[in-house]
Amino acid sequence: FRNALIRYQLAQQSQVSLEIFDATGRIVRTLEKGMRQPGYYTVTWDGKDNIGRASAAGVYFIRFRTDDYNMVQKAIVVR
């Protein structure tokens, strides 16, 4: 598994949540959570869950939320 780079930009200070979910809706990994200042950010997902285990091959969903924005994208892990 190659690392997945997730980039985002904030125009103003905002509460941010960036999480990885599996196909059943279970949170696999929380990558970002908390207040962030305006600017550009790059976050890396190494394909592991919150306790360091490698995630199985399959479909995952990346959910990015701020105070006024919500976005979900699909990611596929191939082993």
PDB file of N, CA and C in Angstrom:
ATOM      1  N   PHE A   1       0.848  -1.189   0.000  1.00  0.00           N
ATOM      2  CA  PHE A   1       0.000   0.000   0.000  1.00  0.00           C
ATOM      3  C   PHE A   1       0.878   1.231   0.000  1.00  0.00           C
ATOM      4  N   ARG A   2       0.613   2.116  -0.912  1.00  0.00           N
ATOM      5  CA  ARG A   2       1.296   3.415  -0.918  1.00  0.00           C
ATOM      6  C   ARG A   2       0.483   4.387  -0.083  1.00  0.00           C
ATOM      7  N   ASN A   3       1.161   5.319   0.514  1.00  0.00           N
ATOM      8  CA  ASN A   3       0.467   6.323   1.319  1.00  0.00           C
ATOM      9  C   ASN A   3      -0.482   7.144   0.465  1.00  0.00           C
ATOM     10  N   ALA A   4      -1.617   7.485   1.041  1.00  0.00           N
ATOM     11  CA  ALA A   4      -2.572   8.375   0.383  1.00  0.00           C
ATOM     12  C   ALA A   4      -2.358   9.781   0.927  1.00  0.00           C
ATOM     13  N   LEU A   5      -2.119  10.728   0.030  1.00  0.00           N
ATOM     14  CA  LEU A   5      -1.971  12.124   0.424  1.00  0.00           C
ATOM     15  C   LEU A   5      -3.308  12.822   0.267  1.00  0.00           C
ATOM     16  N   ILE A   6      -3.735  13.490   1.312  1.00  0.00           N
ATOM     17  CA  ILE A   6      -5.002  14.210   1.306  1.00  0.00           C
ATOM     18  C   ILE A   6      -4.668  15.678   1.557  1.00  0.00           C
ATOM     19  N   ARG A   7      -5.046  16.510   0.610  1.00  0.00           N
ATOM     20  CA  ARG A   7      -4.746  17.941   0.715  1.00  0.00           C
ATOM     21  C   ARG A   7      -6.038  18.722   0.879  1.00  0.00           C
ATOM     22  N   TYR A   8      -5.954  19.758   1.723  1.00  0.00           N
ATOM     23  CA  TYR A   8      -7.107  20.651   1.859  1.00  0.00           C
ATOM     24  C   TYR A   8      -6.632  22.045   2.198  1.00  0.00           C
ATOM     25  N   GLN A   9      -7.520  23.002   1.978  1.00  0.00           N
ATOM     26  CA  GLN A   9      -7.224  24.404   2.230  1.00  0.00           C
ATOM     27  C   GLN A   9      -8.349  25.004   3.055  1.00  0.00           C
ATOM     28  N   LEU A  10      -7.988  25.852   3.996  1.00  0.00           N
ATOM     29  CA  LEU A  10      -8.977  26.572   4.803  1.00  0.00           C
ATOM     30  C   LEU A  10      -8.816  28.068   4.567  1.00  0.00           C
ATOM     31  N   ALA A  11      -9.919  28.743   4.272  1.00  0.00           N
ATOM     32  CA  ALA A  11      -9.891  30.189   4.070  1.00  0.00           C
ATOM     33  C   ALA A  11      -9.966  30.938   5.396  1.00  0.00           C
ATOM     34  N   GLN A  12     -10.497  30.268   6.410  1.00  0.00           N
ATOM     35  CA  GLN A  12     -10.630  30.887   7.727  1.00  0.00           C
ATOM     36  C   GLN A  12     -10.446  29.818   8.800  1.00  0.00           C
ATOM     37  N   GLN A  13     -10.218  30.242  10.009  1.00  0.00           N
ATOM     38  CA  GLN A  13     -10.086  29.305  11.127  1.00  0.00           C
ATOM     39  C   GLN A  13     -11.351  28.470  11.221  1.00  0.00           C
ATOM     40  N   SER A  14     -11.172  27.158  11.406  1.00  0.00           N
ATOM     41  CA  SER A  14     -12.331  26.279  11.410  1.00  0.00           C
ATOM     42  C   SER A  14     -12.035  25.004  12.189  1.00  0.00           C
ATOM     43  N   GLN A  15     -13.093  24.408  12.709  1.00  0.00           N
ATOM     44  CA  GLN A  15     -13.031  23.083  13.312  1.00  0.00           C
ATOM     45  C   GLN A  15     -12.964  22.083  12.156  1.00  0.00           C
ATOM     46  N   VAL A  16     -11.997  21.164  12.190  1.00  0.00           N
ATOM     47  CA  VAL A  16     -11.777  20.215  11.096  1.00  0.00           C
ATOM     48  C   VAL A  16     -11.887  18.795  11.617  1.00  0.00           C
ATOM     49  N   SER A  17     -12.487  17.931  10.794  1.00  0.00           N
ATOM     50  CA  SER A  17     -12.540  16.504  11.068  1.00  0.00           C
ATOM     51  C   SER A  17     -12.219  15.786   9.760  1.00  0.00           C
ATOM     52  N   LEU A  18     -11.215  14.895   9.782  1.00  0.00           N
ATOM     53  CA  LEU A  18     -10.828  14.116   8.615  1.00  0.00           C
ATOM     54  C   LEU A  18     -10.722  12.666   9.057  1.00  0.00           C
ATOM     55  N   GLU A  19     -11.658  11.835   8.563  1.00  0.00           N
ATOM     56  CA  GLU A  19     -11.753  10.453   9.033  1.00  0.00           C
ATOM     57  C   GLU A  19     -11.861   9.487   7.867  1.00  0.00           C
ATOM     58  N   ILE A  20     -11.389   8.266   8.091  1.00  0.00           N
ATOM     59  CA  ILE A  20     -11.482   7.180   7.131  1.00  0.00           C
ATOM     60  C   ILE A  20     -12.521   6.187   7.664  1.00  0.00           C
ATOM     61  N   PHE A  21     -13.477   5.803   6.810  1.00  0.00           N
ATOM     62  CA  PHE A  21     -14.510   4.834   7.161  1.00  0.00           C
ATOM     63  C   PHE A  21     -14.410   3.628   6.247  1.00  0.00           C
ATOM     64  N   ASP A  22     -14.788   2.453   6.749  1.00  0.00           N
ATOM     65  CA  ASP A  22     -14.868   1.283   5.881  1.00  0.00           C
ATOM     66  C   ASP A  22     -16.259   1.237   5.238  1.00  0.00           C
ATOM     67  N   ALA A  23     -16.494   0.236   4.414  1.00  0.00           N
ATOM     68  CA  ALA A  23     -17.754   0.137   3.669  1.00  0.00           C
ATOM     69  C   ALA A  23     -18.969  -0.064   4.569  1.00  0.00           C
ATOM     70  N   THR A  24     -18.761  -0.512   5.810  1.00  0.00           N
ATOM     71  CA  THR A  24     -19.882  -0.697   6.735  1.00  0.00           C
ATOM     72  C   THR A  24     -20.182   0.564   7.540  1.00  0.00           C
ATOM     73  N   GLY A  25     -19.364   1.619   7.367  1.00  0.00           N
ATOM     74  CA  GLY A  25     -19.581   2.868   8.089  1.00  0.00           C
ATOM     75  C   GLY A  25     -18.792   2.990   9.378  1.00  0.00           C
ATOM     76  N   ARG A  26     -17.950   2.007   9.678  1.00  0.00           N
ATOM     77  CA  ARG A  26     -17.140   2.034  10.893  1.00  0.00           C
ATOM     78  C   ARG A  26     -15.925   2.948  10.694  1.00  0.00           C
ATOM     79  N   ILE A  27     -15.640   3.799  11.684  1.00  0.00           N
ATOM     80  CA  ILE A  27     -14.452   4.648  11.601  1.00  0.00           C
ATOM     81  C   ILE A  27     -13.211   3.764  11.717  1.00  0.00           C
ATOM     82  N   VAL A  28     -12.359   3.856  10.714  1.00  0.00           N
ATOM     83  CA  VAL A  28     -11.118   3.094  10.687  1.00  0.00           C
ATOM     84  C   VAL A  28      -9.983   3.936  11.262  1.00  0.00           C
ATOM     85  N   ARG A  29      -9.935   5.211  10.866  1.00  0.00           N
ATOM     86  CA  ARG A  29      -8.834   6.069  11.296  1.00  0.00           C
ATOM     87  C   ARG A  29      -9.287   7.514  11.351  1.00  0.00           C
ATOM     88  N   THR A  30      -8.903   8.202  12.397  1.00  0.00           N
ATOM     89  CA  THR A  30      -9.101   9.644  12.498  1.00  0.00           C
ATOM     90  C   THR A  30      -7.755  10.294  12.213  1.00  0.00           C
ATOM     91  N   LEU A  31      -7.702  11.078  11.133  1.00  0.00           N
ATOM     92  CA  LEU A  31      -6.445  11.700  10.721  1.00  0.00           C
ATOM     93  C   LEU A  31      -6.297  13.119  11.256  1.00  0.00           C
ATOM     94  N   GLU A  32      -7.381  13.849  11.332  1.00  0.00           N
ATOM     95  CA  GLU A  32      -7.350  15.214  11.846  1.00  0.00           C
ATOM     96  C   GLU A  32      -8.614  15.443  12.654  1.00  0.00           C
ATOM     97  N   LYS A  33      -8.480  16.157  13.747  1.00  0.00           N
ATOM     98  CA  LYS A  33      -9.652  16.530  14.533  1.00  0.00           C
ATOM     99  C   LYS A  33      -9.244  17.708  15.402  1.00  0.00           C
ATOM    100  N   GLY A  34      -9.909  18.828  15.206  1.00  0.00           N
ATOM    101  CA  GLY A  34      -9.610  19.987  16.025  1.00  0.00           C
ATOM    102  C   GLY A  34      -9.617  21.275  15.226  1.00  0.00           C
ATOM    103  N   MET A  35      -9.298  22.354  15.911  1.00  0.00           N
ATOM    104  CA  MET A  35      -9.291  23.681  15.312  1.00  0.00           C
ATOM    105  C   MET A  35      -8.022  23.863  14.476  1.00  0.00           C
ATOM    106  N   ARG A  36      -8.192  24.405  13.269  1.00  0.00           N
ATOM    107  CA  ARG A  36      -7.062  24.668  12.380  1.00  0.00           C
ATOM    108  C   ARG A  36      -7.134  26.116  11.911  1.00  0.00           C
ATOM    109  N   GLN A  37      -5.973  26.698  11.709  1.00  0.00           N
ATOM    110  CA  GLN A  37      -5.849  28.064  11.205  1.00  0.00           C
ATOM    111  C   GLN A  37      -5.987  28.069   9.683  1.00  0.00           C
ATOM    112  N   PRO A  38      -6.250  29.233   9.077  1.00  0.00           N
ATOM    113  CA  PRO A  38      -6.308  29.312   7.615  1.00  0.00           C
ATOM    114  C   PRO A  38      -4.978  28.849   7.008  1.00  0.00           C
ATOM    115  N   GLY A  39      -5.062  28.193   5.865  1.00  0.00           N
ATOM    116  CA  GLY A  39      -3.845  27.770   5.187  1.00  0.00           C
ATOM    117  C   GLY A  39      -4.039  26.476   4.419  1.00  0.00           C
ATOM    118  N   TYR A  40      -2.928  25.952   3.922  1.00  0.00           N
ATOM    119  CA  TYR A  40      -2.906  24.722   3.145  1.00  0.00           C
ATOM    120  C   TYR A  40      -2.377  23.595   4.030  1.00  0.00           C
ATOM    121  N   TYR A  41      -2.992  22.431   3.921  1.00  0.00           N
ATOM    122  CA  TYR A  41      -2.610  21.288   4.743  1.00  0.00           C
ATOM    123  C   TYR A  41      -2.481  20.039   3.869  1.00  0.00           C
ATOM    124  N   THR A  42      -1.546  19.184   4.234  1.00  0.00           N
ATOM    125  CA  THR A  42      -1.395  17.874   3.609  1.00  0.00           C
ATOM    126  C   THR A  42      -1.353  16.842   4.725  1.00  0.00           C
ATOM    127  N   VAL A  43      -2.210  15.833   4.618  1.00  0.00           N
ATOM    128  CA  VAL A  43      -2.302  14.767   5.611  1.00  0.00           C
ATOM    129  C   VAL A  43      -2.030  13.455   4.893  1.00  0.00           C
ATOM    130  N   THR A  44      -1.311  12.552   5.531  1.00  0.00           N
ATOM    131  CA  THR A  44      -0.991  11.260   4.934  1.00  0.00           C
ATOM    132  C   THR A  44      -1.724  10.147   5.671  1.00  0.00           C
ATOM    133  N   TRP A  45      -2.358   9.266   4.893  1.00  0.00           N
ATOM    134  CA  TRP A  45      -2.927   8.046   5.462  1.00  0.00           C
ATOM    135  C   TRP A  45      -2.060   6.892   5.017  1.00  0.00           C
ATOM    136  N   ASP A  46      -1.513   6.175   5.972  1.00  0.00           N
ATOM    137  CA  ASP A  46      -0.593   5.071   5.693  1.00  0.00           C
ATOM    138  C   ASP A  46      -1.300   3.732   5.531  1.00  0.00           C
ATOM    139  N   GLY A  47      -2.621   3.745   5.460  1.00  0.00           N
ATOM    140  CA  GLY A  47      -3.378   2.516   5.276  1.00  0.00           C
ATOM    141  C   GLY A  47      -3.622   1.741   6.559  1.00  0.00           C
ATOM    142  N   LYS A  48      -3.311   2.355   7.683  1.00  0.00           N
ATOM    143  CA  LYS A  48      -3.490   1.680   8.966  1.00  0.00           C
ATOM    144  C   LYS A  48      -4.691   2.246   9.716  1.00  0.00           C
ATOM    145  N   ASP A  49      -5.201   1.443  10.665  1.00  0.00           N
ATOM    146  CA  ASP A  49      -6.318   1.898  11.484  1.00  0.00           C
ATOM    147  C   ASP A  49      -5.793   2.677  12.686  1.00  0.00           C
ATOM    148  N   ASN A  50      -6.688   3.046  13.592  1.00  0.00           N
ATOM    149  CA  ASN A  50      -6.316   3.870  14.748  1.00  0.00           C
ATOM    150  C   ASN A  50      -5.348   3.192  15.714  1.00  0.00           C
ATOM    151  N   ILE A  51      -5.260   1.860  15.674  1.00  0.00           N
ATOM    152  CA  ILE A  51      -4.324   1.189  16.594  1.00  0.00           C
ATOM    153  C   ILE A  51      -3.117   0.599  15.871  1.00  0.00           C
ATOM    154  N   GLY A  52      -2.932   0.988  14.606  1.00  0.00           N
ATOM    155  CA  GLY A  52      -1.718   0.625  13.889  1.00  0.00           C
ATOM    156  C   GLY A  52      -1.766  -0.625  13.041  1.00  0.00           C
ATOM    157  N   ARG A  53      -2.927  -1.250  12.925  1.00  0.00           N
ATOM    158  CA  ARG A  53      -3.054  -2.449  12.081  1.00  0.00           C
ATOM    159  C   ARG A  53      -3.295  -2.046  10.635  1.00  0.00           C
ATOM    160  N   ALA A  54      -2.709  -2.799   9.717  1.00  0.00           N
ATOM    161  CA  ALA A  54      -2.921  -2.547   8.287  1.00  0.00           C
ATOM    162  C   ALA A  54      -4.380  -2.825   7.937  1.00  0.00           C
ATOM    163  N   SER A  55      -4.977  -1.919   7.187  1.00  0.00           N
ATOM    164  CA  SER A  55      -6.363  -2.097   6.754  1.00  0.00           C
ATOM    165  C   SER A  55      -6.416  -3.120   5.631  1.00  0.00           C
ATOM    166  N   ALA A  56      -7.496  -3.877   5.593  1.00  0.00           N
ATOM    167  CA  ALA A  56      -7.684  -4.891   4.556  1.00  0.00           C
ATOM    168  C   ALA A  56      -7.936  -4.227   3.206  1.00  0.00           C
ATOM    169  N   ALA A  57      -7.696  -4.973   2.149  1.00  0.00           N
ATOM    170  CA  ALA A  57      -8.031  -4.490   0.815  1.00  0.00           C
ATOM    171  C   ALA A  57      -9.528  -4.242   0.750  1.00  0.00           C
ATOM    172  N   GLY A  58      -9.927  -3.216   0.024  1.00  0.00           N
ATOM    173  CA  GLY A  58     -11.340  -2.920  -0.107  1.00  0.00           C
ATOM    174  C   GLY A  58     -11.615  -1.453  -0.329  1.00  0.00           C
ATOM    175  N   VAL A  59     -12.882  -1.099  -0.243  1.00  0.00           N
ATOM    176  CA  VAL A  59     -13.335   0.276  -0.460  1.00  0.00           C
ATOM    177  C   VAL A  59     -13.423   0.993   0.887  1.00  0.00           C
ATOM    178  N   TYR A  60     -12.908   2.209   0.911  1.00  0.00           N
ATOM    179  CA  TYR A  60     -12.949   3.065   2.095  1.00  0.00           C
ATOM    180  C   TYR A  60     -13.473   4.427   1.686  1.00  0.00           C
ATOM    181  N   PHE A  61     -13.917   5.186   2.663  1.00  0.00           N
ATOM    182  CA  PHE A  61     -14.437   6.518   2.398  1.00  0.00           C
ATOM    183  C   PHE A  61     -13.693   7.523   3.268  1.00  0.00           C
ATOM    184  N   ILE A  62     -13.282   8.607   2.647  1.00  0.00           N
ATOM    185  CA  ILE A  62     -12.584   9.697   3.331  1.00  0.00           C
ATOM    186  C   ILE A  62     -13.613  10.810   3.531  1.00  0.00           C
ATOM    187  N   ARG A  63     -13.871  11.137   4.795  1.00  0.00           N
ATOM    188  CA  ARG A  63     -14.838  12.204   5.089  1.00  0.00           C
ATOM    189  C   ARG A  63     -14.104  13.396   5.680  1.00  0.00           C
ATOM    190  N   PHE A  64     -14.280  14.556   5.038  1.00  0.00           N
ATOM    191  CA  PHE A  64     -13.685  15.802   5.482  1.00  0.00           C
ATOM    192  C   PHE A  64     -14.813  16.754   5.847  1.00  0.00           C
ATOM    193  N   ARG A  65     -14.777  17.267   7.070  1.00  0.00           N
ATOM    194  CA  ARG A  65     -15.810  18.197   7.537  1.00  0.00           C
ATOM    195  C   ARG A  65     -15.171  19.412   8.190  1.00  0.00           C
ATOM    196  N   THR A  66     -15.795  20.564   7.965  1.00  0.00           N
ATOM    197  CA  THR A  66     -15.446  21.790   8.687  1.00  0.00           C
ATOM    198  C   THR A  66     -16.751  22.359   9.236  1.00  0.00           C
ATOM    199  N   ASP A  67     -16.670  23.552   9.799  1.00  0.00           N
ATOM    200  CA  ASP A  67     -17.869  24.186  10.350  1.00  0.00           C
ATOM    201  C   ASP A  67     -18.986  24.327   9.317  1.00  0.00           C
ATOM    202  N   ASP A  68     -18.606  24.563   8.048  1.00  0.00           N
ATOM    203  CA  ASP A  68     -19.625  24.833   7.022  1.00  0.00           C
ATOM    204  C   ASP A  68     -19.435  24.027   5.735  1.00  0.00           C
ATOM    205  N   TYR A  69     -18.722  22.910   5.816  1.00  0.00           N
ATOM    206  CA  TYR A  69     -18.450  22.117   4.611  1.00  0.00           C
ATOM    207  C   TYR A  69     -18.373  20.640   4.968  1.00  0.00           C
ATOM    208  N   ASN A  70     -18.858  19.799   4.069  1.00  0.00           N
ATOM    209  CA  ASN A  70     -18.818  18.353   4.271  1.00  0.00           C
ATOM    210  C   ASN A  70     -18.548  17.694   2.918  1.00  0.00           C
ATOM    211  N   MET A  71     -17.540  16.816   2.840  1.00  0.00           N
ATOM    212  CA  MET A  71     -17.191  16.160   1.603  1.00  0.00           C
ATOM    213  C   MET A  71     -16.802  14.713   1.888  1.00  0.00           C
ATOM    214  N   VAL A  72     -17.225  13.790   1.029  1.00  0.00           N
ATOM    215  CA  VAL A  72     -16.865  12.387   1.142  1.00  0.00           C
ATOM    216  C   VAL A  72     -16.321  11.921  -0.198  1.00  0.00           C
ATOM    217  N   GLN A  73     -15.178  11.220  -0.171  1.00  0.00           N
ATOM    218  CA  GLN A  73     -14.607  10.643  -1.383  1.00  0.00           C
ATOM    219  C   GLN A  73     -14.258   9.192  -1.130  1.00  0.00           C
ATOM    220  N   LYS A  74     -14.317   8.433  -2.200  1.00  0.00           N
ATOM    221  CA  LYS A  74     -14.023   7.001  -2.116  1.00  0.00           C
ATOM    222  C   LYS A  74     -12.537   6.755  -2.340  1.00  0.00           C
ATOM    223  N   ALA A  75     -11.993   5.791  -1.604  1.00  0.00           N
ATOM    224  CA  ALA A  75     -10.607   5.345  -1.785  1.00  0.00           C
ATOM    225  C   ALA A  75     -10.615   3.825  -1.830  1.00  0.00           C
ATOM    226  N   ILE A  76      -9.775   3.256  -2.661  1.00  0.00           N
ATOM    227  CA  ILE A  76      -9.690   1.802  -2.778  1.00  0.00           C
ATOM    228  C   ILE A  76      -8.302   1.365  -2.348  1.00  0.00           C
ATOM    229  N   VAL A  77      -8.269   0.450  -1.387  1.00  0.00           N
ATOM    230  CA  VAL A  77      -6.991  -0.097  -0.907  1.00  0.00           C
ATOM    231  C   VAL A  77      -6.782  -1.439  -1.615  1.00  0.00           C
ATOM    232  N   VAL A  78      -5.641  -1.554  -2.286  1.00  0.00           N
ATOM    233  CA  VAL A  78      -5.271  -2.777  -2.990  1.00  0.00           C
ATOM    234  C   VAL A  78      -4.012  -3.321  -2.324  1.00  0.00           C
ATOM    235  N   ARG A  79      -4.027  -4.568  -1.951  1.00  0.00           N
ATOM    236  CA  ARG A  79      -2.863  -5.190  -1.311  1.00  0.00           C
ATOM    237  C   ARG A  79      -2.212  -6.156  -2.247  1.00  0.00           C
TER     238      ARG A  79
END
